[in-house]
Amino acid sequence: MLPVSIQKDACPRRGAVSRLIWLAIWSALLLMAFIVPNTGFLQPIPSGAKPRPVPAVSSTGPDSVKERPLQVMTYNIRHAEGMNGRVNPQAVLRDLKAANADVIALQEVDRLQWRSGLQDQARYFAQAMGMHCIYAPAIRHGVSQYGVALLSRYPLEAPQIHRLTGGREPRLLLTAELRLPDRTVTVATTHLSVEAEGHTREWPQLLAALQNGQTPLILLGDFNSPSSSPELQEAIHRLGLKEIRPKPSSLPTVAHGGRIDHIFTNLQAERPALVEDSRASDHRPVSASINENEIPLHAH
């Protein structure tokens, strides 16, 4: 009996095609790892926007012209996942543009994550707004990152990451110096743990990182605690800060109720904080106006 020659199928198997696709995807991600900085910071992105003028001297007389206050904002964007369960960074961007803030603190910001389309969200918002930006990842998986960001119309210098340990997930405090033309302010943002035992360990670390500051301070973020929290009150008191609170009739800052997103400062607020209604995240953006004339001139 003559041997039978079996012709192998020239088409690759489905499993082989899938492996080739995954190999191409991972190769692209590895390439991005070399192209995109992975040093812990997204270094400041130059802004194309012109910073608004700040008076060269502090004007306190009755005839002085009052400048527009410094507008600050904090927003937990939940990687741009809206209340409808869809990731839509354009909806978050609309909220950011509507606020017209000079300084924006963002929490739960993705960078090269599958769930948010491998987008570098901090860079996307900064470039769309023409703002400087610093990004700090709290969690990393390969090239994928998840953390907090500071956006500003003014240069952000001397950034520092302060790791906060003790919770179930890694957390951090990001600080930077906001360089106004003739003034310097320290701006900081954080996203503390959800569980109470995490707070107990994180607050002393946050306090130690901030209590020796030499410039005025604006602290913004998602603290996962209401204003009535004894730990929050004690830390804020020891830092010499006060909360810029919304009016009692304002909306909660998080969809399931409560006000856990806060703005603290040792500068004078112009008016109560404003909580904007939005469905672009499960949190709402919180903004406030701060009197710049209280910032010491040439503070370093």
C-alpha atoms as a PDB file:
ATOM      1  CA  MET A   1       0.000   0.000   0.000  1.00  0.00           C
ATOM      2  CA  LEU A   2       1.429   3.299  -1.099  1.00  0.00           C
ATOM      3  CA  PRO A   3       1.909   5.920   1.617  1.00  0.00           C
ATOM      4  CA  VAL A   4      -0.614   8.695   1.551  1.00  0.00           C
ATOM      5  CA  SER A   5       0.776  12.238   1.473  1.00  0.00           C
ATOM      6  CA  ILE A   6      -1.230  14.557   3.713  1.00  0.00           C
ATOM      7  CA  GLN A   7      -1.270  18.206   2.663  1.00  0.00           C
ATOM      8  CA  LYS A   8      -1.142  20.497   5.689  1.00  0.00           C
ATOM      9  CA  ASP A   9      -3.608  23.336   5.760  1.00  0.00           C
ATOM     10  CA  ALA A  10      -1.872  26.495   4.584  1.00  0.00           C
ATOM     11  CA  CYS A  11      -4.110  28.678   6.748  1.00  0.00           C
ATOM     12  CA  PRO A  12      -2.890  29.225  10.311  1.00  0.00           C
ATOM     13  CA  ARG A  13      -5.066  27.993  13.109  1.00  0.00           C
ATOM     14  CA  ARG A  14      -7.323  30.432  14.975  1.00  0.00           C
ATOM     15  CA  GLY A  15      -5.246  30.054  18.113  1.00  0.00           C
ATOM     16  CA  ALA A  16      -2.099  30.976  16.212  1.00  0.00           C
ATOM     17  CA  VAL A  17      -3.790  34.094  14.807  1.00  0.00           C
ATOM     18  CA  SER A  18      -4.853  35.125  18.301  1.00  0.00           C
ATOM     19  CA  ARG A  19      -1.317  34.657  19.567  1.00  0.00           C
ATOM     20  CA  LEU A  20       0.027  36.800  16.732  1.00  0.00           C
ATOM     21  CA  ILE A  21      -2.474  39.553  17.538  1.00  0.00           C
ATOM     22  CA  TRP A  22      -1.568  39.504  21.225  1.00  0.00           C
ATOM     23  CA  LEU A  23       2.119  39.490  20.337  1.00  0.00           C
ATOM     24  CA  ALA A  24       1.607  42.587  18.190  1.00  0.00           C
ATOM     25  CA  ILE A  25      -0.336  44.327  20.963  1.00  0.00           C
ATOM     26  CA  TRP A  26       2.264  43.588  23.617  1.00  0.00           C
ATOM     27  CA  SER A  27       5.039  44.652  21.258  1.00  0.00           C
ATOM     28  CA  ALA A  28       3.250  47.972  20.796  1.00  0.00           C
ATOM     29  CA  LEU A  29       2.912  48.360  24.560  1.00  0.00           C
ATOM     30  CA  LEU A  30       6.592  47.651  25.077  1.00  0.00           C
ATOM     31  CA  LEU A  31       7.401  50.276  22.469  1.00  0.00           C
ATOM     32  CA  MET A  32       5.158  52.751  24.276  1.00  0.00           C
ATOM     33  CA  ALA A  33       6.998  51.979  27.488  1.00  0.00           C
ATOM     34  CA  PHE A  34      10.157  53.358  25.902  1.00  0.00           C
ATOM     35  CA  ILE A  35       8.425  56.310  24.264  1.00  0.00           C
ATOM     36  CA  VAL A  36       6.266  57.374  27.237  1.00  0.00           C
ATOM     37  CA  PRO A  37       8.176  58.331  30.413  1.00  0.00           C
ATOM     38  CA  ASN A  38       7.697  55.821  33.213  1.00  0.00           C
ATOM     39  CA  THR A  39       9.710  57.540  35.926  1.00  0.00           C
ATOM     40  CA  GLY A  40       6.879  58.152  38.371  1.00  0.00           C
ATOM     41  CA  PHE A  41       6.075  61.607  37.040  1.00  0.00           C
ATOM     42  CA  LEU A  42       4.621  62.898  33.851  1.00  0.00           C
ATOM     43  CA  GLN A  43       6.953  65.884  33.748  1.00  0.00           C
ATOM     44  CA  PRO A  44       5.315  69.297  33.269  1.00  0.00           C
ATOM     45  CA  ILE A  45       3.866  69.787  29.818  1.00  0.00           C
ATOM     46  CA  PRO A  46       4.483  73.305  28.469  1.00  0.00           C
ATOM     47  CA  SER A  47       1.317  75.329  28.230  1.00  0.00           C
ATOM     48  CA  GLY A  48       0.287  77.259  25.168  1.00  0.00           C
ATOM     49  CA  ALA A  49      -2.076  79.393  27.207  1.00  0.00           C
ATOM     50  CA  LYS A  50      -1.135  82.849  28.402  1.00  0.00           C
ATOM     51  CA  PRO A  51      -1.249  83.122  32.201  1.00  0.00           C
ATOM     52  CA  ARG A  52      -3.504  85.854  33.489  1.00  0.00           C
ATOM     53  CA  PRO A  53      -1.778  88.857  35.090  1.00  0.00           C
ATOM     54  CA  VAL A  54      -1.031  89.012  38.793  1.00  0.00           C
ATOM     55  CA  PRO A  55      -0.358  92.409  40.397  1.00  0.00           C
ATOM     56  CA  ALA A  56       3.351  93.119  40.893  1.00  0.00           C
ATOM     57  CA  VAL A  57       2.639  94.584  44.321  1.00  0.00           C
ATOM     58  CA  SER A  58      -0.035  93.803  46.863  1.00  0.00           C
ATOM     59  CA  SER A  59      -2.772  96.414  46.498  1.00  0.00           C
ATOM     60  CA  THR A  60      -4.864  96.924  49.585  1.00  0.00           C
ATOM     61  CA  GLY A  61      -5.913 100.555  49.234  1.00  0.00           C
ATOM     62  CA  PRO A  62      -9.497 101.587  48.506  1.00  0.00           C
ATOM     63  CA  ASP A  63      -8.616 102.594  44.950  1.00  0.00           C
ATOM     64  CA  SER A  64      -6.830  99.367  44.078  1.00  0.00           C
ATOM     65  CA  VAL A  65      -8.126  97.261  41.221  1.00  0.00           C
ATOM     66  CA  LYS A  66      -9.289  93.842  42.391  1.00  0.00           C
ATOM     67  CA  GLU A  67      -7.823  90.996  40.340  1.00  0.00           C
ATOM     68  CA  ARG A  68      -9.715  87.842  39.448  1.00  0.00           C
ATOM     69  CA  PRO A  69      -9.245  85.330  42.309  1.00  0.00           C
ATOM     70  CA  LEU A  70      -7.213  82.185  41.895  1.00  0.00           C
ATOM     71  CA  GLN A  71      -9.673  79.492  40.816  1.00  0.00           C
ATOM     72  CA  VAL A  72      -8.961  75.968  42.087  1.00  0.00           C
ATOM     73  CA  MET A  73     -10.785  72.701  41.524  1.00  0.00           C
ATOM     74  CA  THR A  74     -10.685  69.068  42.662  1.00  0.00           C
ATOM     75  CA  TYR A  75     -12.320  66.238  40.741  1.00  0.00           C
ATOM     76  CA  ASN A  76     -12.245  62.454  41.145  1.00  0.00           C
ATOM     77  CA  ILE A  77     -12.880  61.436  37.531  1.00  0.00           C
ATOM     78  CA  ARG A  78     -13.068  57.623  38.048  1.00  0.00           C
ATOM     79  CA  HIS A  79     -10.916  57.119  34.890  1.00  0.00           C
ATOM     80  CA  ALA A  80     -13.639  59.085  33.006  1.00  0.00           C
ATOM     81  CA  GLU A  81     -16.272  56.401  33.570  1.00  0.00           C
ATOM     82  CA  GLY A  82     -19.622  58.135  33.773  1.00  0.00           C
ATOM     83  CA  MET A  83     -22.753  57.199  35.668  1.00  0.00           C
ATOM     84  CA  ASN A  84     -23.933  55.374  32.540  1.00  0.00           C
ATOM     85  CA  GLY A  85     -20.977  52.972  32.856  1.00  0.00           C
ATOM     86  CA  ARG A  86     -19.224  54.283  29.739  1.00  0.00           C
ATOM     87  CA  VAL A  87     -15.742  55.774  29.598  1.00  0.00           C
ATOM     88  CA  ASN A  88     -16.058  59.235  28.078  1.00  0.00           C
ATOM     89  CA  PRO A  89     -13.094  61.569  28.641  1.00  0.00           C
ATOM     90  CA  GLN A  90     -14.776  64.216  26.502  1.00  0.00           C
ATOM     91  CA  ALA A  91     -17.516  64.540  29.151  1.00  0.00           C
ATOM     92  CA  VAL A  92     -14.880  65.107  31.853  1.00  0.00           C
ATOM     93  CA  LEU A  93     -13.137  67.619  29.611  1.00  0.00           C
ATOM     94  CA  ARG A  94     -16.366  69.589  29.267  1.00  0.00           C
ATOM     95  CA  ASP A  95     -16.563  69.822  33.074  1.00  0.00           C
ATOM     96  CA  LEU A  96     -12.953  71.015  33.262  1.00  0.00           C
ATOM     97  CA  LYS A  97     -13.443  73.665  30.604  1.00  0.00           C
ATOM     98  CA  ALA A  98     -16.682  74.895  32.183  1.00  0.00           C
ATOM     99  CA  ALA A  99     -14.931  75.444  35.533  1.00  0.00           C
ATOM    100  CA  ASN A 100     -12.280  77.715  33.948  1.00  0.00           C
ATOM    101  CA  ALA A 101      -9.970  76.910  36.881  1.00  0.00           C
ATOM    102  CA  ASP A 102      -6.337  77.962  37.195  1.00  0.00           C
ATOM    103  CA  VAL A 103      -5.370  74.841  39.169  1.00  0.00           C
ATOM    104  CA  ILE A 104      -7.077  71.441  38.844  1.00  0.00           C
ATOM    105  CA  ALA A 105      -6.444  68.392  41.021  1.00  0.00           C
ATOM    106  CA  LEU A 106      -7.583  65.090  39.510  1.00  0.00           C
ATOM    107  CA  GLN A 107      -7.871  61.696  41.165  1.00  0.00           C
ATOM    108  CA  GLU A 108      -8.357  58.188  39.717  1.00  0.00           C
ATOM    109  CA  VAL A 109      -6.552  59.097  36.513  1.00  0.00           C
ATOM    110  CA  ASP A 110      -5.595  56.302  34.104  1.00  0.00           C
ATOM    111  CA  ARG A 111      -2.509  56.000  31.974  1.00  0.00           C
ATOM    112  CA  LEU A 112      -2.276  53.245  29.352  1.00  0.00           C
ATOM    113  CA  GLN A 113      -5.067  51.197  30.950  1.00  0.00           C
ATOM    114  CA  TRP A 114      -7.189  48.818  28.869  1.00  0.00           C
ATOM    115  CA  ARG A 115     -10.427  49.940  30.522  1.00  0.00           C
ATOM    116  CA  SER A 116      -9.895  53.530  29.330  1.00  0.00           C
ATOM    117  CA  GLY A 117      -8.644  52.757  25.845  1.00  0.00           C
ATOM    118  CA  LEU A 118      -4.894  52.927  26.603  1.00  0.00           C
ATOM    119  CA  GLN A 119      -5.190  56.706  26.821  1.00  0.00           C
ATOM    120  CA  ASP A 120      -2.775  58.900  28.736  1.00  0.00           C
ATOM    121  CA  GLN A 121      -5.594  60.803  30.421  1.00  0.00           C
ATOM    122  CA  ALA A 122      -3.528  63.430  32.244  1.00  0.00           C
ATOM    123  CA  ARG A 123      -1.719  64.378  29.043  1.00  0.00           C
ATOM    124  CA  TYR A 124      -4.983  64.402  27.095  1.00  0.00           C
ATOM    125  CA  PHE A 125      -6.658  66.848  29.481  1.00  0.00           C
ATOM    126  CA  ALA A 126      -3.564  69.043  29.805  1.00  0.00           C
ATOM    127  CA  GLN A 127      -3.060  69.380  26.069  1.00  0.00           C
ATOM    128  CA  ALA A 128      -6.762  69.966  25.421  1.00  0.00           C
ATOM    129  CA  MET A 129      -6.786  72.721  28.078  1.00  0.00           C
ATOM    130  CA  GLY A 130      -3.392  74.214  27.214  1.00  0.00           C
ATOM    131  CA  MET A 131      -2.194  73.634  30.783  1.00  0.00           C
ATOM    132  CA  HIS A 132       0.930  72.438  32.561  1.00  0.00           C
ATOM    133  CA  CYS A 133       0.578  68.996  34.112  1.00  0.00           C
ATOM    134  CA  ILE A 134       2.243  66.616  36.545  1.00  0.00           C
ATOM    135  CA  TYR A 135       1.063  63.032  36.914  1.00  0.00           C
ATOM    136  CA  ALA A 136       1.942  60.630  39.728  1.00  0.00           C
ATOM    137  CA  PRO A 137       0.965  56.940  39.621  1.00  0.00           C
ATOM    138  CA  ALA A 138      -0.098  55.238  42.835  1.00  0.00           C
ATOM    139  CA  ILE A 139      -0.556  51.813  41.199  1.00  0.00           C
ATOM    140  CA  ARG A 140       1.349  50.252  38.291  1.00  0.00           C
ATOM    141  CA  HIS A 141       0.933  47.058  36.304  1.00  0.00           C
ATOM    142  CA  GLY A 142       3.626  47.006  33.644  1.00  0.00           C
ATOM    143  CA  VAL A 143       3.175  50.191  31.636  1.00  0.00           C
ATOM    144  CA  SER A 144      -0.373  50.701  32.925  1.00  0.00           C
ATOM    145  CA  GLN A 145      -0.722  53.288  35.678  1.00  0.00           C
ATOM    146  CA  TYR A 146      -3.411  54.750  37.933  1.00  0.00           C
ATOM    147  CA  GLY A 147      -2.982  57.811  40.099  1.00  0.00           C
ATOM    148  CA  VAL A 148      -3.447  61.549  40.568  1.00  0.00           C
ATOM    149  CA  ALA A 149      -2.597  64.648  38.561  1.00  0.00           C
ATOM    150  CA  LEU A 150      -2.178  68.397  38.928  1.00  0.00           C
ATOM    151  CA  LEU A 151      -3.042  70.692  36.021  1.00  0.00           C
ATOM    152  CA  SER A 152      -2.212  74.400  36.063  1.00  0.00           C
ATOM    153  CA  ARG A 153      -2.191  77.511  33.915  1.00  0.00           C
ATOM    154  CA  TYR A 154       1.092  78.373  35.653  1.00  0.00           C
ATOM    155  CA  PRO A 155       4.334  76.387  35.823  1.00  0.00           C
ATOM    156  CA  LEU A 156       4.441  73.543  38.346  1.00  0.00           C
ATOM    157  CA  GLU A 157       7.896  73.001  39.799  1.00  0.00           C
ATOM    158  CA  ALA A 158       9.676  70.834  42.380  1.00  0.00           C
ATOM    159  CA  PRO A 159       7.139  67.972  42.267  1.00  0.00           C
ATOM    160  CA  GLN A 160       7.317  65.368  45.005  1.00  0.00           C
ATOM    161  CA  ILE A 161       5.567  62.049  45.556  1.00  0.00           C
ATOM    162  CA  HIS A 162       4.954  61.071  49.170  1.00  0.00           C
ATOM    163  CA  ARG A 163       3.923  57.436  49.454  1.00  0.00           C
ATOM    164  CA  LEU A 164       1.117  56.730  51.939  1.00  0.00           C
ATOM    165  CA  THR A 165       1.105  53.172  53.270  1.00  0.00           C
ATOM    166  CA  GLY A 166      -1.233  51.223  55.493  1.00  0.00           C
ATOM    167  CA  GLY A 167      -4.334  50.863  53.355  1.00  0.00           C
ATOM    168  CA  ARG A 168      -5.397  47.983  51.155  1.00  0.00           C
ATOM    169  CA  GLU A 169      -4.243  49.889  48.048  1.00  0.00           C
ATOM    170  CA  PRO A 170      -1.146  52.058  47.595  1.00  0.00           C
ATOM    171  CA  ARG A 171      -1.949  55.758  48.005  1.00  0.00           C
ATOM    172  CA  LEU A 172       0.108  58.915  47.651  1.00  0.00           C
ATOM    173  CA  LEU A 173       0.301  62.655  48.149  1.00  0.00           C
ATOM    174  CA  LEU A 174       1.502  64.718  45.186  1.00  0.00           C
ATOM    175  CA  THR A 175       2.910  68.184  45.899  1.00  0.00           C
ATOM    176  CA  ALA A 176       4.306  70.888  43.636  1.00  0.00           C
ATOM    177  CA  GLU A 177       5.156  74.561  43.721  1.00  0.00           C
ATOM    178  CA  LEU A 178       2.765  76.743  41.762  1.00  0.00           C
ATOM    179  CA  ARG A 179       4.897  79.518  40.279  1.00  0.00           C
ATOM    180  CA  LEU A 180       2.843  82.670  39.881  1.00  0.00           C
ATOM    181  CA  PRO A 181       4.737  85.606  38.361  1.00  0.00           C
ATOM    182  CA  ASP A 182       5.680  87.049  41.762  1.00  0.00           C
ATOM    183  CA  ARG A 183       4.308  84.540  44.259  1.00  0.00           C
ATOM    184  CA  THR A 184       4.725  80.872  45.096  1.00  0.00           C
ATOM    185  CA  VAL A 185       2.060  78.557  46.475  1.00  0.00           C
ATOM    186  CA  THR A 186       2.345  74.874  47.351  1.00  0.00           C
ATOM    187  CA  VAL A 187      -0.455  72.842  45.800  1.00  0.00           C
ATOM    188  CA  ALA A 188      -1.094  69.242  46.823  1.00  0.00           C
ATOM    189  CA  THR A 189      -3.542  66.510  45.971  1.00  0.00           C
ATOM    190  CA  THR A 190      -4.286  63.076  47.377  1.00  0.00           C
ATOM    191  CA  HIS A 191      -6.773  60.221  47.276  1.00  0.00           C
ATOM    192  CA  LEU A 192      -6.974  58.519  50.644  1.00  0.00           C
ATOM    193  CA  SER A 193      -8.138  54.980  51.356  1.00  0.00           C
ATOM    194  CA  VAL A 194     -11.776  54.042  51.601  1.00  0.00           C
ATOM    195  CA  GLU A 195     -11.424  51.941  54.752  1.00  0.00           C
ATOM    196  CA  ALA A 196     -11.135  53.633  58.164  1.00  0.00           C
ATOM    197  CA  GLU A 197      -8.015  51.699  59.170  1.00  0.00           C
ATOM    198  CA  GLY A 198      -6.257  53.053  56.097  1.00  0.00           C
ATOM    199  CA  HIS A 199      -7.117  56.623  57.137  1.00  0.00           C
ATOM    200  CA  THR A 200      -5.679  56.059  60.587  1.00  0.00           C
ATOM    201  CA  ARG A 201      -2.287  55.184  59.077  1.00  0.00           C
ATOM    202  CA  GLU A 202      -2.327  57.671  56.193  1.00  0.00           C
ATOM    203  CA  TRP A 203      -3.196  60.918  57.979  1.00  0.00           C
ATOM    204  CA  PRO A 204      -0.004  61.044  60.109  1.00  0.00           C
ATOM    205  CA  GLN A 205       2.086  60.440  56.978  1.00  0.00           C
ATOM    206  CA  LEU A 206       0.279  63.176  55.085  1.00  0.00           C
ATOM    207  CA  LEU A 207       0.712  65.509  58.049  1.00  0.00           C
ATOM    208  CA  ALA A 208       4.461  64.793  58.247  1.00  0.00           C
ATOM    209  CA  ALA A 209       4.855  65.537  54.527  1.00  0.00           C
ATOM    210  CA  LEU A 210       3.123  68.915  54.700  1.00  0.00           C
ATOM    211  CA  GLN A 211       3.669  70.424  58.124  1.00  0.00           C
ATOM    212  CA  ASN A 212       7.123  71.935  57.431  1.00  0.00           C
ATOM    213  CA  GLY A 213       6.106  73.826  54.309  1.00  0.00           C
ATOM    214  CA  GLN A 214       7.477  77.343  53.861  1.00  0.00           C
ATOM    215  CA  THR A 215       4.824  78.646  51.454  1.00  0.00           C
ATOM    216  CA  PRO A 216       1.032  79.002  51.564  1.00  0.00           C
ATOM    217  CA  LEU A 217      -0.715  75.687  50.933  1.00  0.00           C
ATOM    218  CA  ILE A 218      -3.734  74.537  48.955  1.00  0.00           C
ATOM    219  CA  LEU A 219      -4.641  70.895  49.610  1.00  0.00           C
ATOM    220  CA  LEU A 220      -7.242  69.305  47.339  1.00  0.00           C
ATOM    221  CA  GLY A 221      -8.528  65.807  46.836  1.00  0.00           C
ATOM    222  CA  ASP A 222     -10.753  62.869  47.621  1.00  0.00           C
ATOM    223  CA  PHE A 223     -10.238  62.185  51.320  1.00  0.00           C
ATOM    224  CA  ASN A 224     -12.964  59.534  51.608  1.00  0.00           C
ATOM    225  CA  SER A 225     -14.005  61.243  54.852  1.00  0.00           C
ATOM    226  CA  PRO A 226     -16.652  63.843  55.682  1.00  0.00           C
ATOM    227  CA  SER A 227     -15.668  67.165  57.214  1.00  0.00           C
ATOM    228  CA  SER A 228     -16.860  65.890  60.589  1.00  0.00           C
ATOM    229  CA  SER A 229     -14.165  63.171  60.715  1.00  0.00           C
ATOM    230  CA  PRO A 230     -12.083  63.665  63.912  1.00  0.00           C
ATOM    231  CA  GLU A 231      -8.893  62.512  62.158  1.00  0.00           C
ATOM    232  CA  LEU A 232      -9.457  64.923  59.298  1.00  0.00           C
ATOM    233  CA  GLN A 233     -10.235  67.793  61.664  1.00  0.00           C
ATOM    234  CA  GLU A 234      -7.151  67.152  63.798  1.00  0.00           C
ATOM    235  CA  ALA A 235      -4.773  66.961  60.812  1.00  0.00           C
ATOM    236  CA  ILE A 236      -6.193  70.051  59.137  1.00  0.00           C
ATOM    237  CA  HIS A 237      -5.998  71.987  62.419  1.00  0.00           C
ATOM    238  CA  ARG A 238      -2.360  70.973  62.931  1.00  0.00           C
ATOM    239  CA  LEU A 239      -1.541  72.133  59.405  1.00  0.00           C
ATOM    240  CA  GLY A 240      -3.169  75.492  60.096  1.00  0.00           C
ATOM    241  CA  LEU A 241      -5.662  75.015  57.285  1.00  0.00           C
ATOM    242  CA  LYS A 242      -9.365  75.683  56.930  1.00  0.00           C
ATOM    243  CA  GLU A 243     -11.828  74.048  54.598  1.00  0.00           C
ATOM    244  CA  ILE A 244     -13.529  76.054  51.890  1.00  0.00           C
ATOM    245  CA  ARG A 245     -16.914  74.449  52.397  1.00  0.00           C
ATOM    246  CA  PRO A 246     -19.878  74.413  50.041  1.00  0.00           C
ATOM    247  CA  LYS A 247     -23.183  75.857  51.169  1.00  0.00           C
ATOM    248  CA  PRO A 248     -25.260  73.426  53.278  1.00  0.00           C
ATOM    249  CA  SER A 249     -27.782  73.221  50.448  1.00  0.00           C
ATOM    250  CA  SER A 250     -25.137  72.103  47.942  1.00  0.00           C
ATOM    251  CA  LEU A 251     -25.122  68.697  46.283  1.00  0.00           C
ATOM    252  CA  PRO A 252     -23.044  65.865  47.776  1.00  0.00           C
ATOM    253  CA  THR A 253     -19.669  65.469  46.125  1.00  0.00           C
ATOM    254  CA  VAL A 254     -20.117  61.745  45.486  1.00  0.00           C
ATOM    255  CA  ALA A 255     -23.092  60.060  43.834  1.00  0.00           C
ATOM    256  CA  HIS A 256     -23.971  57.696  46.678  1.00  0.00           C
ATOM    257  CA  GLY A 257     -24.171  60.630  49.100  1.00  0.00           C
ATOM    258  CA  GLY A 258     -21.850  62.584  51.337  1.00  0.00           C
ATOM    259  CA  ARG A 259     -19.126  65.187  50.897  1.00  0.00           C
ATOM    260  CA  ILE A 260     -15.749  63.521  50.830  1.00  0.00           C
ATOM    261  CA  ASP A 261     -13.991  65.730  48.261  1.00  0.00           C
ATOM    262  CA  HIS A 262     -12.484  68.788  49.939  1.00  0.00           C
ATOM    263  CA  ILE A 263     -10.427  71.939  49.427  1.00  0.00           C
ATOM    264  CA  PHE A 264      -8.259  73.102  52.355  1.00  0.00           C
ATOM    265  CA  THR A 265      -6.012  76.168  52.518  1.00  0.00           C
ATOM    266  CA  ASN A 266      -4.428  78.726  54.814  1.00  0.00           C
ATOM    267  CA  LEU A 267      -5.446  81.475  52.384  1.00  0.00           C
ATOM    268  CA  GLN A 268      -8.693  83.408  52.385  1.00  0.00           C
ATOM    269  CA  ALA A 269     -11.562  82.149  50.250  1.00  0.00           C
ATOM    270  CA  GLU A 270     -13.663  84.577  48.263  1.00  0.00           C
ATOM    271  CA  ARG A 271     -16.904  82.634  48.719  1.00  0.00           C
ATOM    272  CA  PRO A 272     -18.163  79.129  49.599  1.00  0.00           C
ATOM    273  CA  ALA A 273     -17.013  76.246  47.433  1.00  0.00           C
ATOM    274  CA  LEU A 274     -19.177  75.240  44.491  1.00  0.00           C
ATOM    275  CA  VAL A 275     -20.240  71.651  43.774  1.00  0.00           C
ATOM    276  CA  GLU A 276     -21.196  71.273  40.119  1.00  0.00           C
ATOM    277  CA  ASP A 277     -23.724  68.699  39.037  1.00  0.00           C
ATOM    278  CA  SER A 278     -22.245  66.203  36.606  1.00  0.00           C
ATOM    279  CA  ARG A 279     -22.683  62.598  35.506  1.00  0.00           C
ATOM    280  CA  ALA A 280     -19.247  62.288  33.896  1.00  0.00           C
ATOM    281  CA  SER A 281     -17.989  60.425  37.007  1.00  0.00           C
ATOM    282  CA  ASP A 282     -19.423  59.042  40.235  1.00  0.00           C
ATOM    283  CA  HIS A 283     -17.972  62.178  41.912  1.00  0.00           C
ATOM    284  CA  ARG A 284     -18.816  65.807  41.237  1.00  0.00           C
ATOM    285  CA  PRO A 285     -16.242  68.547  40.636  1.00  0.00           C
ATOM    286  CA  VAL A 286     -15.674  70.965  43.535  1.00  0.00           C
ATOM    287  CA  SER A 287     -14.243  74.433  42.894  1.00  0.00           C
ATOM    288  CA  ALA A 288     -13.333  77.491  44.962  1.00  0.00           C
ATOM    289  CA  SER A 289     -11.984  81.020  44.595  1.00  0.00           C
ATOM    290  CA  ILE A 290      -8.949  82.096  46.636  1.00  0.00           C
ATOM    291  CA  ASN A 291      -7.756  85.629  47.324  1.00  0.00           C
ATOM    292  CA  GLU A 292      -4.306  85.969  45.751  1.00  0.00           C
ATOM    293  CA  ASN A 293      -3.540  89.221  47.533  1.00  0.00           C
ATOM    294  CA  GLU A 294      -2.930  87.241  50.725  1.00  0.00           C
ATOM    295  CA  ILE A 295      -0.080  85.298  49.134  1.00  0.00           C
ATOM    296  CA  PRO A 296       3.278  86.830  50.156  1.00  0.00           C
ATOM    297  CA  LEU A 297       5.239  88.382  47.318  1.00  0.00           C
ATOM    298  CA  HIS A 298       8.285  86.430  46.151  1.00  0.00           C
ATOM    299  CA  ALA A 299       7.626  83.606  48.626  1.00  0.00           C
ATOM    300  CA  HIS A 300      10.050  80.710  48.068  1.00  0.00           C
END
